[in-house]
PDB file of N, CA and C in Angstrom:
ATOM      1  N   MET A   1     116.424 118.450 165.559  1.00  0.00           N
ATOM      2  CA  MET A   1     116.588 118.477 164.076  1.00  0.00           C
ATOM      3  C   MET A   1     117.415 119.677 163.777  1.00  0.00           C
ATOM      4  N   VAL A   2     118.396 119.475 162.932  1.00  0.00           N
ATOM      5  CA  VAL A   2     119.318 120.601 162.626  1.00  0.00           C
ATOM      6  C   VAL A   2     118.588 121.735 161.767  1.00  0.00           C
ATOM      7  N   THR A   3     117.737 121.272 160.886  1.00  0.00           N
ATOM      8  CA  THR A   3     116.994 122.343 160.019  1.00  0.00           C
ATOM      9  C   THR A   3     116.146 123.259 160.965  1.00  0.00           C
ATOM     10  N   GLU A   4     115.544 122.749 162.007  1.00  0.00           N
ATOM     11  CA  GLU A   4     114.726 123.468 162.830  1.00  0.00           C
ATOM     12  C   GLU A   4     115.577 124.503 163.720  1.00  0.00           C
ATOM     13  N   CYS A   5     116.784 123.894 164.164  1.00  0.00           N
ATOM     14  CA  CYS A   5     117.696 124.826 164.923  1.00  0.00           C
ATOM     15  C   CYS A   5     118.190 126.057 164.114  1.00  0.00           C
ATOM     16  N   VAL A   6     118.262 125.941 162.836  1.00  0.00           N
ATOM     17  CA  VAL A   6     118.675 127.095 162.089  1.00  0.00           C
ATOM     18  C   VAL A   6     117.395 127.666 161.565  1.00  0.00           C
ATOM     19  N   ALA A   7     116.444 127.074 161.129  1.00  0.00           N
ATOM     20  CA  ALA A   7     115.270 127.645 160.496  1.00  0.00           C
ATOM     21  C   ALA A   7     114.485 128.486 161.268  1.00  0.00           C
ATOM     22  N   ILE A   8     114.296 128.074 162.575  1.00  0.00           N
ATOM     23  CA  ILE A   8     113.537 128.772 163.476  1.00  0.00           C
ATOM     24  C   ILE A   8     114.043 130.203 163.754  1.00  0.00           C
ATOM     25  N   PRO A   9     115.133 130.581 164.119  1.00  0.00           N
ATOM     26  CA  PRO A   9     115.592 131.830 164.207  1.00  0.00           C
ATOM     27  C   PRO A   9     115.617 132.741 162.886  1.00  0.00           C
ATOM     28  N   VAL A  10     115.814 132.040 161.861  1.00  0.00           N
ATOM     29  CA  VAL A  10     115.767 132.683 160.553  1.00  0.00           C
ATOM     30  C   VAL A  10     114.284 133.052 160.324  1.00  0.00           C
ATOM     31  N   SER A  11     113.315 132.129 160.613  1.00  0.00           N
ATOM     32  CA  SER A  11     111.887 132.503 160.396  1.00  0.00           C
ATOM     33  C   SER A  11     111.484 133.573 161.394  1.00  0.00           C
ATOM     34  N   TRP A  12     112.015 133.687 162.559  1.00  0.00           N
ATOM     35  CA  TRP A  12     111.610 134.967 163.221  1.00  0.00           C
ATOM     36  C   TRP A  12     112.326 136.145 162.503  1.00  0.00           C
ATOM     37  N   TRP A  13     113.384 136.083 162.066  1.00  0.00           N
ATOM     38  CA  TRP A  13     113.957 137.330 161.357  1.00  0.00           C
ATOM     39  C   TRP A  13     113.187 137.713 160.129  1.00  0.00           C
ATOM     40  N   THR A  14     112.872 136.728 159.295  1.00  0.00           N
ATOM     41  CA  THR A  14     112.061 137.012 158.176  1.00  0.00           C
ATOM     42  C   THR A  14     110.551 137.461 158.539  1.00  0.00           C
ATOM     43  N   ASP A  15     110.156 136.938 159.584  1.00  0.00           N
ATOM     44  CA  ASP A  15     108.770 137.470 159.924  1.00  0.00           C
ATOM     45  C   ASP A  15     108.865 138.971 160.145  1.00  0.00           C
ATOM     46  N   SER A  16     109.880 139.551 160.656  1.00  0.00           N
ATOM     47  CA  SER A  16     109.908 140.996 160.733  1.00  0.00           C
ATOM     48  C   SER A  16     110.155 141.705 159.361  1.00  0.00           C
ATOM     49  N   LEU A  17     110.769 141.016 158.428  1.00  0.00           N
ATOM     50  CA  LEU A  17     110.949 141.613 157.043  1.00  0.00           C
ATOM     51  C   LEU A  17     109.750 141.472 156.267  1.00  0.00           C
ATOM     52  N   PHE A  18     109.141 140.162 156.319  1.00  0.00           N
ATOM     53  CA  PHE A  18     107.985 139.838 155.454  1.00  0.00           C
ATOM     54  C   PHE A  18     106.890 139.291 156.315  1.00  0.00           C
ATOM     55  N   PRO A  19     106.058 140.190 156.781  1.00  0.00           N
ATOM     56  CA  PRO A  19     105.061 139.727 157.849  1.00  0.00           C
ATOM     57  C   PRO A  19     103.965 138.783 157.143  1.00  0.00           C
ATOM     58  N   ALA A  20     103.887 138.802 155.795  1.00  0.00           N
ATOM     59  CA  ALA A  20     102.650 137.974 155.266  1.00  0.00           C
ATOM     60  C   ALA A  20     103.343 136.552 155.058  1.00  0.00           C
ATOM     61  N   LEU A  21     104.621 136.326 155.145  1.00  0.00           N
ATOM     62  CA  LEU A  21     105.229 134.964 155.049  1.00  0.00           C
ATOM     63  C   LEU A  21     105.250 134.317 156.362  1.00  0.00           C
ATOM     64  N   ALA A  22     104.539 133.163 156.518  1.00  0.00           N
ATOM     65  CA  ALA A  22     104.389 132.491 157.794  1.00  0.00           C
ATOM     66  C   ALA A  22     105.834 131.821 158.107  1.00  0.00           C
ATOM     67  N   PRO A  23     106.063 131.805 159.432  1.00  0.00           N
ATOM     68  CA  PRO A  23     107.337 131.316 159.838  1.00  0.00           C
ATOM     69  C   PRO A  23     107.433 129.745 159.478  1.00  0.00           C
ATOM     70  N   GLN A  24     106.421 129.064 159.403  1.00  0.00           N
ATOM     71  CA  GLN A  24     106.312 127.608 159.114  1.00  0.00           C
ATOM     72  C   GLN A  24     106.833 127.503 157.661  1.00  0.00           C
ATOM     73  N   SER A  25     106.507 128.407 156.769  1.00  0.00           N
ATOM     74  CA  SER A  25     106.930 128.331 155.474  1.00  0.00           C
ATOM     75  C   SER A  25     108.513 128.333 155.288  1.00  0.00           C
ATOM     76  N   VAL A  26     109.166 129.161 156.081  1.00  0.00           N
ATOM     77  CA  VAL A  26     110.552 129.263 156.197  1.00  0.00           C
ATOM     78  C   VAL A  26     111.103 127.817 156.723  1.00  0.00           C
ATOM     79  N   VAL A  27     110.403 127.250 157.654  1.00  0.00           N
ATOM     80  CA  VAL A  27     111.032 125.944 158.142  1.00  0.00           C
ATOM     81  C   VAL A  27     110.822 124.974 157.098  1.00  0.00           C
ATOM     82  N   ALA A  28     109.744 125.088 156.231  1.00  0.00           N
ATOM     83  CA  ALA A  28     109.441 123.964 155.207  1.00  0.00           C
ATOM     84  C   ALA A  28     110.481 124.151 154.074  1.00  0.00           C
ATOM     85  N   PHE A  29     110.767 125.469 153.823  1.00  0.00           N
ATOM     86  CA  PHE A  29     111.755 125.835 152.742  1.00  0.00           C
ATOM     87  C   PHE A  29     113.230 125.146 153.163  1.00  0.00           C
ATOM     88  N   ALA A  30     113.437 125.298 154.504  1.00  0.00           N
ATOM     89  CA  ALA A  30     114.794 124.924 154.988  1.00  0.00           C
ATOM     90  C   ALA A  30     114.693 123.420 154.948  1.00  0.00           C
ATOM     91  N   ASP A  31     113.770 122.630 155.087  1.00  0.00           N
ATOM     92  CA  ASP A  31     113.731 121.179 155.015  1.00  0.00           C
ATOM     93  C   ASP A  31     113.837 120.762 153.493  1.00  0.00           C
ATOM     94  N   ILE A  32     113.250 121.584 152.657  1.00  0.00           N
ATOM     95  CA  ILE A  32     113.373 121.198 151.064  1.00  0.00           C
ATOM     96  C   ILE A  32     114.828 121.528 150.802  1.00  0.00           C
ATOM     97  N   ALA A  33     115.383 122.402 151.213  1.00  0.00           N
ATOM     98  CA  ALA A  33     116.848 122.837 150.818  1.00  0.00           C
ATOM     99  C   ALA A  33     117.696 121.777 151.475  1.00  0.00           C
ATOM    100  N   ALA A  34     117.472 121.205 152.577  1.00  0.00           N
ATOM    101  CA  ALA A  34     118.235 120.144 153.198  1.00  0.00           C
ATOM    102  C   ALA A  34     118.153 118.899 152.452  1.00  0.00           C
ATOM    103  N   VAL A  35     116.937 118.567 151.860  1.00  0.00           N
ATOM    104  CA  VAL A  35     116.836 117.349 151.016  1.00  0.00           C
ATOM    105  C   VAL A  35     117.800 117.405 149.630  1.00  0.00           C
ATOM    106  N   VAL A  36     117.656 118.637 149.191  1.00  0.00           N
ATOM    107  CA  VAL A  36     118.378 118.846 147.945  1.00  0.00           C
ATOM    108  C   VAL A  36     119.848 118.747 148.242  1.00  0.00           C
ATOM    109  N   VAL A  37     120.387 119.250 149.283  1.00  0.00           N
ATOM    110  CA  VAL A  37     121.808 119.021 149.559  1.00  0.00           C
ATOM    111  C   VAL A  37     122.202 117.640 149.922  1.00  0.00           C
ATOM    112  N   SER A  38     121.096 116.951 150.619  1.00  0.00           N
ATOM    113  CA  SER A  38     121.348 115.615 150.907  1.00  0.00           C
ATOM    114  C   SER A  38     121.419 114.733 149.689  1.00  0.00           C
ATOM    115  N   CYS A  39     120.646 115.025 148.687  1.00  0.00           N
ATOM    116  CA  CYS A  39     120.455 114.102 147.560  1.00  0.00           C
ATOM    117  C   CYS A  39     121.801 114.387 146.677  1.00  0.00           C
ATOM    118  N   LEU A  40     122.136 115.705 146.689  1.00  0.00           N
ATOM    119  CA  LEU A  40     123.482 115.894 145.942  1.00  0.00           C
ATOM    120  C   LEU A  40     124.679 115.204 146.559  1.00  0.00           C
ATOM    121  N   MET A  41     124.612 115.118 147.965  1.00  0.00           N
ATOM    122  CA  MET A  41     125.740 114.358 148.683  1.00  0.00           C
ATOM    123  C   MET A  41     125.585 112.824 148.173  1.00  0.00           C
ATOM    124  N   ILE A  42     124.428 112.255 148.303  1.00  0.00           N
ATOM    125  CA  ILE A  42     124.106 111.072 147.906  1.00  0.00           C
ATOM    126  C   ILE A  42     124.770 110.626 146.638  1.00  0.00           C
ATOM    127  N   MET A  43     124.518 111.524 145.542  1.00  0.00           N
ATOM    128  CA  MET A  43     124.965 111.227 144.238  1.00  0.00           C
ATOM    129  C   MET A  43     126.445 111.403 144.356  1.00  0.00           C
ATOM    130  N   SER A  44     127.016 112.358 144.934  1.00  0.00           N
ATOM    131  CA  SER A  44     128.597 112.392 144.862  1.00  0.00           C
ATOM    132  C   SER A  44     129.177 111.170 145.691  1.00  0.00           C
ATOM    133  N   PHE A  45     128.642 110.632 146.791  1.00  0.00           N
ATOM    134  CA  PHE A  45     129.132 109.552 147.335  1.00  0.00           C
ATOM    135  C   PHE A  45     128.905 108.223 146.597  1.00  0.00           C
ATOM    136  N   SER A  46     128.081 108.215 145.777  1.00  0.00           N
ATOM    137  CA  SER A  46     127.736 107.065 144.970  1.00  0.00           C
ATOM    138  C   SER A  46     128.632 106.997 143.805  1.00  0.00           C
ATOM    139  N   GLY A  47     129.432 107.877 143.548  1.00  0.00           N
ATOM    140  CA  GLY A  47     130.511 107.750 142.535  1.00  0.00           C
ATOM    141  C   GLY A  47     131.615 106.806 142.861  1.00  0.00           C
ATOM    142  N   LYS A  48     131.727 106.581 143.964  1.00  0.00           N
ATOM    143  CA  LYS A  48     132.735 105.595 144.375  1.00  0.00           C
ATOM    144  C   LYS A  48     132.407 104.159 144.273  1.00  0.00           C
ATOM    145  N   ILE A  49     131.038 103.985 144.048  1.00  0.00           N
ATOM    146  CA  ILE A  49     130.588 102.562 143.820  1.00  0.00           C
ATOM    147  C   ILE A  49     130.694 102.085 142.413  1.00  0.00           C
ATOM    148  N   ARG A  50     131.475 100.979 142.111  1.00  0.00           N
ATOM    149  CA  ARG A  50     131.781 100.498 140.798  1.00  0.00           C
ATOM    150  C   ARG A  50     130.524  99.821 140.105  1.00  0.00           C
ATOM    151  N   ASN A  51     129.905  99.063 140.800  1.00  0.00           N
ATOM    152  CA  ASN A  51     128.799  98.208 140.141  1.00  0.00           C
ATOM    153  C   ASN A  51     127.523  99.193 139.943  1.00  0.00           C
ATOM    154  N   ARG A  52     127.067  99.125 138.592  1.00  0.00           N
ATOM    155  CA  ARG A  52     125.917  99.957 138.286  1.00  0.00           C
ATOM    156  C   ARG A  52     124.634  99.673 139.145  1.00  0.00           C
ATOM    157  N   LYS A  53     124.383  98.361 139.242  1.00  0.00           N
ATOM    158  CA  LYS A  53     123.264  97.900 139.979  1.00  0.00           C
ATOM    159  C   LYS A  53     123.286  98.247 141.444  1.00  0.00           C
ATOM    160  N   ASN A  54     124.451  98.076 142.027  1.00  0.00           N
ATOM    161  CA  ASN A  54     124.601  98.500 143.403  1.00  0.00           C
ATOM    162  C   ASN A  54     124.385 100.076 143.661  1.00  0.00           C
ATOM    163  N   LYS A  55     124.963 100.901 142.580  1.00  0.00           N
ATOM    164  CA  LYS A  55     125.102 102.207 142.620  1.00  0.00           C
ATOM    165  C   LYS A  55     123.531 102.784 142.492  1.00  0.00           C
ATOM    166  N   LYS A  56     122.793 102.119 141.608  1.00  0.00           N
ATOM    167  CA  LYS A  56     121.368 102.590 141.414  1.00  0.00           C
ATOM    168  C   LYS A  56     120.539 102.250 142.613  1.00  0.00           C
ATOM    169  N   LEU A  57     120.694 101.052 143.225  1.00  0.00           N
ATOM    170  CA  LEU A  57     120.161 100.739 144.336  1.00  0.00           C
ATOM    171  C   LEU A  57     120.374 101.685 145.555  1.00  0.00           C
ATOM    172  N   TYR A  58     121.676 102.096 145.598  1.00  0.00           N
ATOM    173  CA  TYR A  58     122.138 102.945 146.747  1.00  0.00           C
ATOM    174  C   TYR A  58     121.301 104.390 146.487  1.00  0.00           C
ATOM    175  N   VAL A  59     121.484 104.838 145.383  1.00  0.00           N
ATOM    176  CA  VAL A  59     120.762 106.314 145.088  1.00  0.00           C
ATOM    177  C   VAL A  59     119.281 106.108 145.245  1.00  0.00           C
ATOM    178  N   VAL A  60     118.562 105.038 144.819  1.00  0.00           N
ATOM    179  CA  VAL A  60     117.107 105.082 144.912  1.00  0.00           C
ATOM    180  C   VAL A  60     116.703 104.850 146.339  1.00  0.00           C
ATOM    181  N   MET A  61     117.367 103.984 147.149  1.00  0.00           N
ATOM    182  CA  MET A  61     116.961 103.645 148.586  1.00  0.00           C
ATOM    183  C   MET A  61     117.161 104.930 149.283  1.00  0.00           C
ATOM    184  N   LEU A  62     118.405 105.510 149.327  1.00  0.00           N
ATOM    185  CA  LEU A  62     118.657 106.673 150.201  1.00  0.00           C
ATOM    186  C   LEU A  62     117.994 107.780 149.720  1.00  0.00           C
ATOM    187  N   GLY A  63     117.926 108.212 148.409  1.00  0.00           N
ATOM    188  CA  GLY A  63     117.160 109.296 147.952  1.00  0.00           C
ATOM    189  C   GLY A  63     115.616 109.167 148.178  1.00  0.00           C
ATOM    190  N   GLY A  64     115.060 108.069 148.106  1.00  0.00           N
ATOM    191  CA  GLY A  64     113.719 107.773 148.300  1.00  0.00           C
ATOM    192  C   GLY A  64     113.496 108.034 149.865  1.00  0.00           C
ATOM    193  N   TYR A  65     114.182 107.541 150.612  1.00  0.00           N
ATOM    194  CA  TYR A  65     114.115 107.701 152.069  1.00  0.00           C
ATOM    195  C   TYR A  65     114.157 109.084 152.510  1.00  0.00           C
ATOM    196  N   ASN A  66     115.229 109.902 151.934  1.00  0.00           N
ATOM    197  CA  ASN A  66     115.196 111.403 152.203  1.00  0.00           C
ATOM    198  C   ASN A  66     114.085 112.074 151.821  1.00  0.00           C
ATOM    199  N   ILE A  67     113.582 111.681 150.587  1.00  0.00           N
ATOM    200  CA  ILE A  67     112.411 112.400 150.043  1.00  0.00           C
ATOM    201  C   ILE A  67     111.184 112.217 150.922  1.00  0.00           C
ATOM    202  N   ILE A  68     110.890 110.944 151.249  1.00  0.00           N
ATOM    203  CA  ILE A  68     109.854 110.461 152.129  1.00  0.00           C
ATOM    204  C   ILE A  68     109.817 111.234 153.378  1.00  0.00           C
ATOM    205  N   LEU A  69     111.038 111.269 154.014  1.00  0.00           N
ATOM    206  CA  LEU A  69     111.170 111.894 155.411  1.00  0.00           C
ATOM    207  C   LEU A  69     110.987 113.434 155.111  1.00  0.00           C
ATOM    208  N   THR A  70     111.391 114.026 154.137  1.00  0.00           N
ATOM    209  CA  THR A  70     111.284 115.546 153.997  1.00  0.00           C
ATOM    210  C   THR A  70     109.716 115.766 153.760  1.00  0.00           C
ATOM    211  N   CYS A  71     109.027 114.982 152.920  1.00  0.00           N
ATOM    212  CA  CYS A  71     107.594 115.233 152.797  1.00  0.00           C
ATOM    213  C   CYS A  71     106.832 115.035 154.168  1.00  0.00           C
ATOM    214  N   THR A  72     107.354 114.183 154.944  1.00  0.00           N
ATOM    215  CA  THR A  72     106.607 113.999 156.370  1.00  0.00           C
ATOM    216  C   THR A  72     106.925 115.336 157.203  1.00  0.00           C
ATOM    217  N   PHE A  73     108.199 115.834 157.083  1.00  0.00           N
ATOM    218  CA  PHE A  73     108.593 116.950 157.885  1.00  0.00           C
ATOM    219  C   PHE A  73     107.817 118.039 157.393  1.00  0.00           C
ATOM    220  N   VAL A  74     107.684 118.250 156.217  1.00  0.00           N
ATOM    221  CA  VAL A  74     106.990 119.472 155.478  1.00  0.00           C
ATOM    222  C   VAL A  74     105.417 119.501 155.820  1.00  0.00           C
ATOM    223  N   HIS A  75     104.877 118.207 155.696  1.00  0.00           N
ATOM    224  CA  HIS A  75     103.634 118.141 156.070  1.00  0.00           C
ATOM    225  C   HIS A  75     103.226 118.300 157.492  1.00  0.00           C
ATOM    226  N   ARG A  76     104.168 118.052 158.416  1.00  0.00           N
ATOM    227  CA  ARG A  76     103.935 118.243 159.862  1.00  0.00           C
ATOM    228  C   ARG A  76     104.149 119.744 160.110  1.00  0.00           C
ATOM    229  N   THR A  77     105.136 120.266 159.358  1.00  0.00           N
ATOM    230  CA  THR A  77     105.332 121.737 159.567  1.00  0.00           C
ATOM    231  C   THR A  77     104.168 122.638 159.080  1.00  0.00           C
ATOM    232  N   LEU A  78     103.618 122.288 157.929  1.00  0.00           N
ATOM    233  CA  LEU A  78     102.618 123.170 157.153  1.00  0.00           C
ATOM    234  C   LEU A  78     101.162 122.834 157.721  1.00  0.00           C
ATOM    235  N   ALA A  79     101.003 121.601 158.477  1.00  0.00           N
ATOM    236  CA  ALA A  79      99.718 121.327 158.881  1.00  0.00           C
ATOM    237  C   ALA A  79      99.176 122.415 159.886  1.00  0.00           C
ATOM    238  N   VAL A  80     100.132 123.108 160.521  1.00  0.00           N
ATOM    239  CA  VAL A  80      99.675 124.210 161.422  1.00  0.00           C
ATOM    240  C   VAL A  80      98.846 125.321 160.652  1.00  0.00           C
ATOM    241  N   LEU A  81      99.391 125.391 159.504  1.00  0.00           N
ATOM    242  CA  LEU A  81      98.846 126.546 158.554  1.00  0.00           C
ATOM    243  C   LEU A  81      97.451 125.985 158.009  1.00  0.00           C
ATOM    244  N   TRP A  82      97.042 124.709 157.732  1.00  0.00           N
ATOM    245  CA  TRP A  82      96.030 124.122 157.106  1.00  0.00           C
ATOM    246  C   TRP A  82      94.882 124.074 158.109  1.00  0.00           C
ATOM    247  N   LYS A  83      95.019 124.265 159.473  1.00  0.00           N
ATOM    248  CA  LYS A  83      93.898 124.081 160.226  1.00  0.00           C
ATOM    249  C   LYS A  83      93.029 125.203 160.283  1.00  0.00           C
TER     250      LYS A  83
END
């Protein structure tokens, strides 16, 4: 996963700066930032679709998928802290 490839080294670096911040939190923030960028890209790509019904379906389906996937990633990442 791309966010973990970038977020894990950054989390090690922030761990030295902010010891109270768990490295899993940095990975979770990176996942959330990735879904924001992904939803913005979905919105920009949907501008090329002429039909309003198809555009709404495209945005809802892909945006919903990304949000559900991100919730799963964040839950999996933060589950270590909740044990």
